[in-house]
Amino acid sequence: MNLFEIQGLIKKFTKDKNMNSSVSVRIIDLTSEVGELSKEVLKGTNYGNKEFEKTEEWSSEIGDVKRTMLKYP
């Protein structure tokens, strides 16, 4: 599956769920997800005191950022 097909699936999902948003809401959504991912980086490095280790929530937060970015073609 290529990027355009994935975006199409996400676009259909968001349309079916009536999740259409303005540009400002989309930016806030992406910023929020990146913030959550950043928090996992802090946790995974013990706030910069060690090398990064994936946290329990790391994969989920990466997925949320990817989904959010793909949701808005």
PDB file of N, CA and C in Angstrom:
ATOM      1  N   MET A   1       0.851  -1.173   0.000  1.00  0.00           N
ATOM      2  CA  MET A   1       0.000   0.000   0.000  1.00  0.00           C
ATOM      3  C   MET A   1       0.899   1.240   0.000  1.00  0.00           C
ATOM      4  N   ASN A   2       0.584   2.187  -0.873  1.00  0.00           N
ATOM      5  CA  ASN A   2       1.409   3.393  -0.933  1.00  0.00           C
ATOM      6  C   ASN A   2       0.791   4.521  -0.100  1.00  0.00           C
ATOM      7  N   LEU A   3       1.510   5.629  -0.014  1.00  0.00           N
ATOM      8  CA  LEU A   3       1.102   6.755   0.823  1.00  0.00           C
ATOM      9  C   LEU A   3      -0.268   7.297   0.427  1.00  0.00           C
ATOM     10  N   PHE A   4      -0.515   7.424  -0.861  1.00  0.00           N
ATOM     11  CA  PHE A   4      -1.794   7.966  -1.314  1.00  0.00           C
ATOM     12  C   PHE A   4      -2.964   7.047  -0.948  1.00  0.00           C
ATOM     13  N   GLU A   5      -2.739   5.757  -1.010  1.00  0.00           N
ATOM     14  CA  GLU A   5      -3.788   4.807  -0.619  1.00  0.00           C
ATOM     15  C   GLU A   5      -4.073   4.901   0.879  1.00  0.00           C
ATOM     16  N   ILE A   6      -3.016   5.034   1.665  1.00  0.00           N
ATOM     17  CA  ILE A   6      -3.187   5.178   3.118  1.00  0.00           C
ATOM     18  C   ILE A   6      -3.939   6.463   3.430  1.00  0.00           C
ATOM     19  N   GLN A   7      -3.538   7.561   2.772  1.00  0.00           N
ATOM     20  CA  GLN A   7      -4.233   8.828   2.991  1.00  0.00           C
ATOM     21  C   GLN A   7      -5.703   8.720   2.602  1.00  0.00           C
ATOM     22  N   GLY A   8      -5.973   7.999   1.530  1.00  0.00           N
ATOM     23  CA  GLY A   8      -7.356   7.811   1.100  1.00  0.00           C
ATOM     24  C   GLY A   8      -8.181   7.071   2.141  1.00  0.00           C
ATOM     25  N   LEU A   9      -7.594   6.038   2.722  1.00  0.00           N
ATOM     26  CA  LEU A   9      -8.296   5.288   3.770  1.00  0.00           C
ATOM     27  C   LEU A   9      -8.562   6.163   4.991  1.00  0.00           C
ATOM     28  N   ILE A  10      -7.566   6.931   5.375  1.00  0.00           N
ATOM     29  CA  ILE A  10      -7.725   7.808   6.538  1.00  0.00           C
ATOM     30  C   ILE A  10      -8.735   8.911   6.233  1.00  0.00           C
ATOM     31  N   LYS A  11      -8.679   9.445   5.015  1.00  0.00           N
ATOM     32  CA  LYS A  11      -9.636  10.484   4.620  1.00  0.00           C
ATOM     33  C   LYS A  11     -11.064   9.944   4.680  1.00  0.00           C
ATOM     34  N   LYS A  12     -11.260   8.731   4.173  1.00  0.00           N
ATOM     35  CA  LYS A  12     -12.591   8.116   4.213  1.00  0.00           C
ATOM     36  C   LYS A  12     -13.041   7.902   5.657  1.00  0.00           C
ATOM     37  N   PHE A  13     -12.135   7.413   6.493  1.00  0.00           N
ATOM     38  CA  PHE A  13     -12.461   7.184   7.899  1.00  0.00           C
ATOM     39  C   PHE A  13     -12.882   8.484   8.578  1.00  0.00           C
ATOM     40  N   THR A  14     -12.092   9.544   8.383  1.00  0.00           N
ATOM     41  CA  THR A  14     -12.412  10.814   9.037  1.00  0.00           C
ATOM     42  C   THR A  14     -13.713  11.404   8.502  1.00  0.00           C
ATOM     43  N   LYS A  15     -13.972  11.212   7.218  1.00  0.00           N
ATOM     44  CA  LYS A  15     -15.229  11.701   6.644  1.00  0.00           C
ATOM     45  C   LYS A  15     -16.411  10.908   7.201  1.00  0.00           C
ATOM     46  N   ASP A  16     -16.268   9.583   7.241  1.00  0.00           N
ATOM     47  CA  ASP A  16     -17.340   8.730   7.762  1.00  0.00           C
ATOM     48  C   ASP A  16     -17.655   9.042   9.226  1.00  0.00           C
ATOM     49  N   LYS A  17     -16.638   9.428   9.981  1.00  0.00           N
ATOM     50  CA  LYS A  17     -16.806   9.729  11.407  1.00  0.00           C
ATOM     51  C   LYS A  17     -17.064  11.216  11.654  1.00  0.00           C
ATOM     52  N   ASN A  18     -17.233  11.978  10.545  1.00  0.00           N
ATOM     53  CA  ASN A  18     -17.485  13.417  10.627  1.00  0.00           C
ATOM     54  C   ASN A  18     -16.403  14.132  11.436  1.00  0.00           C
ATOM     55  N   MET A  19     -15.147  13.853  11.094  1.00  0.00           N
ATOM     56  CA  MET A  19     -14.011  14.411  11.817  1.00  0.00           C
ATOM     57  C   MET A  19     -13.317  15.514  11.012  1.00  0.00           C
ATOM     58  N   ASN A  20     -14.060  16.240  10.213  1.00  0.00           N
ATOM     59  CA  ASN A  20     -13.481  17.324   9.425  1.00  0.00           C
ATOM     60  C   ASN A  20     -13.150  18.489  10.343  1.00  0.00           C
ATOM     61  N   SER A  21     -11.979  19.083  10.142  1.00  0.00           N
ATOM     62  CA  SER A  21     -11.515  20.146  11.028  1.00  0.00           C
ATOM     63  C   SER A  21     -10.905  21.282  10.231  1.00  0.00           C
ATOM     64  N   SER A  22     -10.883  22.455  10.844  1.00  0.00           N
ATOM     65  CA  SER A  22     -10.228  23.602  10.227  1.00  0.00           C
ATOM     66  C   SER A  22      -8.710  23.434  10.317  1.00  0.00           C
ATOM     67  N   VAL A  23      -7.995  24.248   9.566  1.00  0.00           N
ATOM     68  CA  VAL A  23      -6.535  24.180   9.574  1.00  0.00           C
ATOM     69  C   VAL A  23      -5.989  24.433  10.976  1.00  0.00           C
ATOM     70  N   SER A  24      -6.548  25.395  11.684  1.00  0.00           N
ATOM     71  CA  SER A  24      -6.038  25.695  13.026  1.00  0.00           C
ATOM     72  C   SER A  24      -6.222  24.506  13.969  1.00  0.00           C
ATOM     73  N   VAL A  25      -7.330  23.808  13.862  1.00  0.00           N
ATOM     74  CA  VAL A  25      -7.552  22.625  14.698  1.00  0.00           C
ATOM     75  C   VAL A  25      -6.587  21.514  14.301  1.00  0.00           C
ATOM     76  N   ARG A  26      -6.316  21.376  13.028  1.00  0.00           N
ATOM     77  CA  ARG A  26      -5.371  20.358  12.558  1.00  0.00           C
ATOM     78  C   ARG A  26      -3.971  20.617  13.108  1.00  0.00           C
ATOM     79  N   ILE A  27      -3.566  21.870  13.122  1.00  0.00           N
ATOM     80  CA  ILE A  27      -2.242  22.222  13.652  1.00  0.00           C
ATOM     81  C   ILE A  27      -2.183  21.927  15.151  1.00  0.00           C
ATOM     82  N   ILE A  28      -3.233  22.268  15.859  1.00  0.00           N
ATOM     83  CA  ILE A  28      -3.281  21.985  17.298  1.00  0.00           C
ATOM     84  C   ILE A  28      -3.239  20.480  17.537  1.00  0.00           C
ATOM     85  N   ASP A  29      -3.958  19.721  16.728  1.00  0.00           N
ATOM     86  CA  ASP A  29      -3.974  18.261  16.847  1.00  0.00           C
ATOM     87  C   ASP A  29      -2.570  17.696  16.660  1.00  0.00           C
ATOM     88  N   LEU A  30      -1.890  18.118  15.600  1.00  0.00           N
ATOM     89  CA  LEU A  30      -0.538  17.627  15.340  1.00  0.00           C
ATOM     90  C   LEU A  30       0.420  18.046  16.450  1.00  0.00           C
ATOM     91  N   THR A  31       0.320  19.290  16.882  1.00  0.00           N
ATOM     92  CA  THR A  31       1.186  19.782  17.956  1.00  0.00           C
ATOM     93  C   THR A  31       0.981  18.975  19.235  1.00  0.00           C
ATOM     94  N   SER A  32      -0.253  18.670  19.526  1.00  0.00           N
ATOM     95  CA  SER A  32      -0.569  17.873  20.708  1.00  0.00           C
ATOM     96  C   SER A  32       0.065  16.486  20.626  1.00  0.00           C
ATOM     97  N   GLU A  33      -0.063  15.856  19.472  1.00  0.00           N
ATOM     98  CA  GLU A  33       0.502  14.512  19.307  1.00  0.00           C
ATOM     99  C   GLU A  33       2.031  14.531  19.380  1.00  0.00           C
ATOM    100  N   VAL A  34       2.650  15.540  18.786  1.00  0.00           N
ATOM    101  CA  VAL A  34       4.113  15.652  18.857  1.00  0.00           C
ATOM    102  C   VAL A  34       4.543  15.902  20.303  1.00  0.00           C
ATOM    103  N   GLY A  35       3.748  16.667  21.035  1.00  0.00           N
ATOM    104  CA  GLY A  35       4.038  16.890  22.454  1.00  0.00           C
ATOM    105  C   GLY A  35       3.999  15.598  23.254  1.00  0.00           C
ATOM    106  N   GLU A  36       3.017  14.757  22.959  1.00  0.00           N
ATOM    107  CA  GLU A  36       2.929  13.470  23.656  1.00  0.00           C
ATOM    108  C   GLU A  36       4.123  12.581  23.310  1.00  0.00           C
ATOM    109  N   LEU A  37       4.547  12.613  22.053  1.00  0.00           N
ATOM    110  CA  LEU A  37       5.730  11.853  21.648  1.00  0.00           C
ATOM    111  C   LEU A  37       6.977  12.401  22.343  1.00  0.00           C
ATOM    112  N   SER A  38       7.066  13.714  22.431  1.00  0.00           N
ATOM    113  CA  SER A  38       8.201  14.348  23.112  1.00  0.00           C
ATOM    114  C   SER A  38       8.269  13.940  24.576  1.00  0.00           C
ATOM    115  N   LYS A  39       7.125  13.833  25.200  1.00  0.00           N
ATOM    116  CA  LYS A  39       7.077  13.400  26.597  1.00  0.00           C
ATOM    117  C   LYS A  39       7.659  11.997  26.742  1.00  0.00           C
ATOM    118  N   GLU A  40       7.394  11.139  25.765  1.00  0.00           N
ATOM    119  CA  GLU A  40       7.954   9.788  25.808  1.00  0.00           C
ATOM    120  C   GLU A  40       9.475   9.812  25.637  1.00  0.00           C
ATOM    121  N   VAL A  41       9.982  10.767  24.853  1.00  0.00           N
ATOM    122  CA  VAL A  41      11.438  10.919  24.722  1.00  0.00           C
ATOM    123  C   VAL A  41      12.025  11.315  26.076  1.00  0.00           C
ATOM    124  N   LEU A  42      11.365  12.250  26.744  1.00  0.00           N
ATOM    125  CA  LEU A  42      11.843  12.647  28.073  1.00  0.00           C
ATOM    126  C   LEU A  42      11.845  11.462  29.035  1.00  0.00           C
ATOM    127  N   LYS A  43      10.764  10.713  29.030  1.00  0.00           N
ATOM    128  CA  LYS A  43      10.693   9.540  29.906  1.00  0.00           C
ATOM    129  C   LYS A  43      11.759   8.512  29.529  1.00  0.00           C
ATOM    130  N   GLY A  44      11.926   8.306  28.222  1.00  0.00           N
ATOM    131  CA  GLY A  44      12.870   7.297  27.739  1.00  0.00           C
ATOM    132  C   GLY A  44      14.326   7.654  27.951  1.00  0.00           C
ATOM    133  N   THR A  45      14.592   8.914  28.254  1.00  0.00           N
ATOM    134  CA  THR A  45      15.966   9.347  28.546  1.00  0.00           C
ATOM    135  C   THR A  45      16.128   9.753  30.004  1.00  0.00           C
ATOM    136  N   ASN A  46      15.087   9.498  30.798  1.00  0.00           N
ATOM    137  CA  ASN A  46      15.089   9.949  32.188  1.00  0.00           C
ATOM    138  C   ASN A  46      15.438  11.435  32.243  1.00  0.00           C
ATOM    139  N   TYR A  47      14.732  12.181  31.399  1.00  0.00           N
ATOM    140  CA  TYR A  47      14.906  13.629  31.290  1.00  0.00           C
ATOM    141  C   TYR A  47      16.349  14.015  30.967  1.00  0.00           C
ATOM    142  N   GLY A  48      16.924  13.266  30.021  1.00  0.00           N
ATOM    143  CA  GLY A  48      18.255  13.583  29.517  1.00  0.00           C
ATOM    144  C   GLY A  48      19.401  12.973  30.294  1.00  0.00           C
ATOM    145  N   ASN A  49      19.113  12.109  31.235  1.00  0.00           N
ATOM    146  CA  ASN A  49      20.159  11.534  32.080  1.00  0.00           C
ATOM    147  C   ASN A  49      20.684  10.188  31.600  1.00  0.00           C
ATOM    148  N   LYS A  50      20.136   9.672  30.503  1.00  0.00           N
ATOM    149  CA  LYS A  50      20.609   8.390  29.977  1.00  0.00           C
ATOM    150  C   LYS A  50      20.290   8.325  28.486  1.00  0.00           C
ATOM    151  N   GLU A  51      20.838   7.318  27.834  1.00  0.00           N
ATOM    152  CA  GLU A  51      20.520   7.081  26.425  1.00  0.00           C
ATOM    153  C   GLU A  51      19.047   6.702  26.301  1.00  0.00           C
ATOM    154  N   PHE A  52      18.452   7.061  25.179  1.00  0.00           N
ATOM    155  CA  PHE A  52      17.037   6.788  24.969  1.00  0.00           C
ATOM    156  C   PHE A  52      16.748   5.293  24.920  1.00  0.00           C
ATOM    157  N   GLU A  53      15.716   4.898  25.632  1.00  0.00           N
ATOM    158  CA  GLU A  53      15.153   3.553  25.561  1.00  0.00           C
ATOM    159  C   GLU A  53      13.662   3.712  25.308  1.00  0.00           C
ATOM    160  N   LYS A  54      13.133   2.936  24.372  1.00  0.00           N
ATOM    161  CA  LYS A  54      11.708   3.028  24.065  1.00  0.00           C
ATOM    162  C   LYS A  54      10.886   2.793  25.326  1.00  0.00           C
ATOM    163  N   THR A  55       9.885   3.639  25.500  1.00  0.00           N
ATOM    164  CA  THR A  55       8.963   3.475  26.618  1.00  0.00           C
ATOM    165  C   THR A  55       7.819   2.564  26.195  1.00  0.00           C
ATOM    166  N   GLU A  56       6.992   2.236  27.151  1.00  0.00           N
ATOM    167  CA  GLU A  56       5.836   1.387  26.873  1.00  0.00           C
ATOM    168  C   GLU A  56       4.889   2.039  25.862  1.00  0.00           C
ATOM    169  N   GLU A  57       4.786   3.353  25.904  1.00  0.00           N
ATOM    170  CA  GLU A  57       3.853   4.083  25.038  1.00  0.00           C
ATOM    171  C   GLU A  57       4.486   4.589  23.739  1.00  0.00           C
ATOM    172  N   TRP A  58       5.776   4.366  23.535  1.00  0.00           N
ATOM    173  CA  TRP A  58       6.496   4.920  22.389  1.00  0.00           C
ATOM    174  C   TRP A  58       5.827   4.580  21.055  1.00  0.00           C
ATOM    175  N   SER A  59       5.577   3.315  20.814  1.00  0.00           N
ATOM    176  CA  SER A  59       5.002   2.895  19.530  1.00  0.00           C
ATOM    177  C   SER A  59       3.626   3.502  19.303  1.00  0.00           C
ATOM    178  N   SER A  60       2.849   3.571  20.345  1.00  0.00           N
ATOM    179  CA  SER A  60       1.516   4.161  20.243  1.00  0.00           C
ATOM    180  C   SER A  60       1.599   5.640  19.877  1.00  0.00           C
ATOM    181  N   GLU A  61       2.517   6.354  20.519  1.00  0.00           N
ATOM    182  CA  GLU A  61       2.651   7.790  20.246  1.00  0.00           C
ATOM    183  C   GLU A  61       3.209   8.048  18.848  1.00  0.00           C
ATOM    184  N   ILE A  62       4.148   7.224  18.404  1.00  0.00           N
ATOM    185  CA  ILE A  62       4.651   7.339  17.023  1.00  0.00           C
ATOM    186  C   ILE A  62       3.490   7.127  16.053  1.00  0.00           C
ATOM    187  N   GLY A  63       2.683   6.125  16.327  1.00  0.00           N
ATOM    188  CA  GLY A  63       1.524   5.846  15.482  1.00  0.00           C
ATOM    189  C   GLY A  63       0.551   7.010  15.436  1.00  0.00           C
ATOM    190  N   ASP A  64       0.332   7.647  16.576  1.00  0.00           N
ATOM    191  CA  ASP A  64      -0.577   8.797  16.619  1.00  0.00           C
ATOM    192  C   ASP A  64      -0.053   9.953  15.769  1.00  0.00           C
ATOM    193  N   VAL A  65       1.254  10.209  15.838  1.00  0.00           N
ATOM    194  CA  VAL A  65       1.838  11.288  15.032  1.00  0.00           C
ATOM    195  C   VAL A  65       1.707  10.957  13.548  1.00  0.00           C
ATOM    196  N   LYS A  66       2.029   9.735  13.174  1.00  0.00           N
ATOM    197  CA  LYS A  66       1.915   9.328  11.766  1.00  0.00           C
ATOM    198  C   LYS A  66       0.476   9.454  11.281  1.00  0.00           C
ATOM    199  N   ARG A  67      -0.457   8.957  12.083  1.00  0.00           N
ATOM    200  CA  ARG A  67      -1.868   9.021  11.705  1.00  0.00           C
ATOM    201  C   ARG A  67      -2.317  10.465  11.529  1.00  0.00           C
ATOM    202  N   THR A  68      -1.898  11.316  12.446  1.00  0.00           N
ATOM    203  CA  THR A  68      -2.293  12.720  12.374  1.00  0.00           C
ATOM    204  C   THR A  68      -1.715  13.386  11.132  1.00  0.00           C
ATOM    205  N   MET A  69      -0.472  13.077  10.813  1.00  0.00           N
ATOM    206  CA  MET A  69       0.144  13.674   9.629  1.00  0.00           C
ATOM    207  C   MET A  69      -0.509  13.173   8.345  1.00  0.00           C
ATOM    208  N   LEU A  70      -0.871  11.910   8.322  1.00  0.00           N
ATOM    209  CA  LEU A  70      -1.491  11.343   7.125  1.00  0.00           C
ATOM    210  C   LEU A  70      -2.956  11.736   6.988  1.00  0.00           C
ATOM    211  N   LYS A  71      -3.551  12.116   8.093  1.00  0.00           N
ATOM    212  CA  LYS A  71      -4.978  12.445   8.096  1.00  0.00           C
ATOM    213  C   LYS A  71      -5.261  13.713   7.294  1.00  0.00           C
ATOM    214  N   TYR A  72      -4.270  14.563   7.157  1.00  0.00           N
ATOM    215  CA  TYR A  72      -4.475  15.862   6.520  1.00  0.00           C
ATOM    216  C   TYR A  72      -3.621  16.005   5.270  1.00  0.00           C
ATOM    217  N   PRO A  73      -4.053  15.398   4.161  1.00  0.00           N
ATOM    218  CA  PRO A  73      -3.252  15.485   2.925  1.00  0.00           C
ATOM    219  C   PRO A  73      -3.220  16.891   2.356  1.00  0.00           C
TER     220      PRO A  73
END
